[in-house]
Protein backbone atom coordinates (compact mmCIF):
# COMPACT_ATOMS: atom_id res chain seq x y z
CA UNK A 1 73.84 431.14 29.17
CA UNK A 2 76.18 433.96 30.22
CA UNK A 3 78.90 431.77 31.75
CA UNK A 4 79.56 428.49 33.42
CA UNK A 5 82.47 429.49 35.63
CA UNK A 6 81.34 429.22 39.21
CA UNK A 7 82.92 430.23 42.48
CA UNK A 8 83.12 428.14 45.61
CA UNK A 9 79.97 429.52 47.23
CA UNK A 10 78.04 429.27 43.96
CA UNK A 11 79.10 425.64 43.77
CA UNK A 12 77.93 425.01 47.34
CA UNK A 13 74.56 426.62 46.61
CA UNK A 14 74.15 424.54 43.42
CA UNK A 15 75.03 421.35 45.30
CA UNK A 16 72.58 422.26 48.05
CA UNK A 17 69.79 422.85 45.54
CA UNK A 18 70.51 419.43 44.03
CA UNK A 19 70.47 417.81 47.46
CA UNK A 20 67.17 419.44 48.46
CA UNK A 21 65.53 418.35 45.20
CA UNK A 22 61.95 419.71 45.33
CA UNK A 23 62.35 421.61 48.62
CA UNK A 24 65.02 424.10 47.51
CA UNK A 25 63.86 427.56 48.59
CA UNK A 26 66.06 430.27 50.08
CA UNK A 27 65.57 429.59 53.80
CA UNK A 28 65.96 425.81 53.35
CA UNK A 29 69.11 426.43 51.27
CA UNK A 30 70.56 428.63 54.05
CA UNK A 31 69.74 426.04 56.72
CA UNK A 32 71.25 423.20 54.70
CA UNK A 33 74.40 425.21 53.94
CA UNK A 34 74.90 425.97 57.63
CA UNK A 35 74.27 422.35 58.58
CA UNK A 36 76.76 420.98 56.05
CA UNK A 37 79.50 423.62 56.13
CA UNK A 38 79.34 424.85 59.71
CA UNK A 39 79.34 428.40 58.32
CA UNK A 40 76.51 430.88 58.75
CA UNK A 41 74.78 431.54 55.45
CA UNK A 42 73.13 434.95 55.35
CA UNK A 43 69.83 435.07 53.52
CA UNK A 44 70.75 438.21 51.57
CA UNK A 45 73.97 436.65 50.31
CA UNK A 46 72.17 433.46 49.29
CA UNK A 47 69.53 435.52 47.45
CA UNK A 48 72.27 437.39 45.56
CA UNK A 49 73.92 434.10 44.57
CA UNK A 50 70.58 432.59 43.50
CA UNK A 51 69.89 435.64 41.31
CA UNK A 52 73.37 435.42 39.78
CA UNK A 53 73.00 431.68 39.12
CA UNK A 54 69.63 432.31 37.48
CA UNK A 55 71.12 435.07 35.30
CA UNK A 56 73.84 432.62 34.22
CA UNK A 57 71.17 430.06 33.35
CA UNK A 58 72.43 427.56 35.93
CA UNK A 59 69.22 427.48 37.98
CA UNK A 60 65.60 428.26 37.31
CA UNK A 61 62.93 429.25 39.77
CA UNK A 62 59.18 429.05 40.11
CA UNK A 63 56.72 430.25 42.68
CA UNK A 64 55.00 427.68 44.86
CA UNK A 65 51.48 427.87 46.18
CA UNK A 66 50.47 430.47 48.76
CA UNK A 67 50.14 429.07 52.28
CA UNK A 68 48.34 430.35 55.35
CA UNK A 69 51.48 429.63 57.42
CA UNK A 70 53.28 432.30 55.40
CA UNK A 71 50.41 434.78 55.49
CA UNK A 72 49.46 434.00 51.92
CA UNK A 73 52.98 434.52 50.61
CA UNK A 74 54.43 432.13 48.06
CA UNK A 75 57.87 430.48 48.28
CA UNK A 76 60.24 430.66 45.31
CA UNK A 77 61.62 427.19 44.59
CA UNK A 78 64.88 426.61 42.70
CA UNK A 79 66.06 423.76 40.51
CA UNK A 80 69.24 423.14 38.58
CA UNK A 81 69.20 423.45 34.81
CA UNK A 82 71.22 421.29 32.43
CA UNK A 83 73.75 424.13 32.35
CA UNK A 84 73.98 424.00 36.15
CA UNK A 85 74.55 420.26 36.06
CA UNK A 86 77.29 420.74 33.46
CA UNK A 87 78.94 423.44 35.60
CA UNK A 88 78.93 421.14 38.65
CA UNK A 89 80.38 418.26 36.66
CA UNK A 90 83.07 420.54 35.20
CA UNK A 91 83.92 421.80 38.70
CA UNK A 92 84.11 418.27 40.12
CA UNK A 93 86.30 417.06 37.25
CA UNK A 94 88.69 419.97 37.76
CA UNK A 95 88.92 419.28 41.51
CA UNK A 96 89.41 415.54 40.92
CA UNK A 97 92.15 416.26 38.39
CA UNK A 98 93.97 418.56 40.80
CA UNK A 99 93.61 416.07 43.68
CA UNK A 100 95.05 413.31 41.48
CA UNK A 101 98.20 415.39 40.88
CA UNK A 102 99.06 415.59 44.57
CA UNK A 103 101.65 412.97 45.43
CA UNK A 104 100.55 410.57 48.18
CA UNK A 105 103.71 411.44 50.09
CA UNK A 106 102.57 415.07 50.43
CA UNK A 107 99.15 414.09 51.78
CA UNK A 108 100.69 411.72 54.33
CA UNK A 109 102.63 414.60 55.87
CA UNK A 110 99.53 416.69 56.50
């Protein structure tokens, strides 16, 4: 595994893959990201992130069956590896730790 440091968008993509379980392919990931973040997720950007996450060993992919709806093309499905799970847990723990350091008084003023 090259590295487990992940950026914000990488984290969102990993979380989306986990949420989609067995239906995590690029278009579904884009749609789910847009639905949950309110931000447009460009397919090319998501593909680049998926490739980077796979290079880091945080996700793995496999080709699904060819379908007539897709003109015989196969979808590439993604799943999180144990390294990806560890990276998400590490990220969540870091965020939780930082949130716990913010005094309640500061949050009440926001």
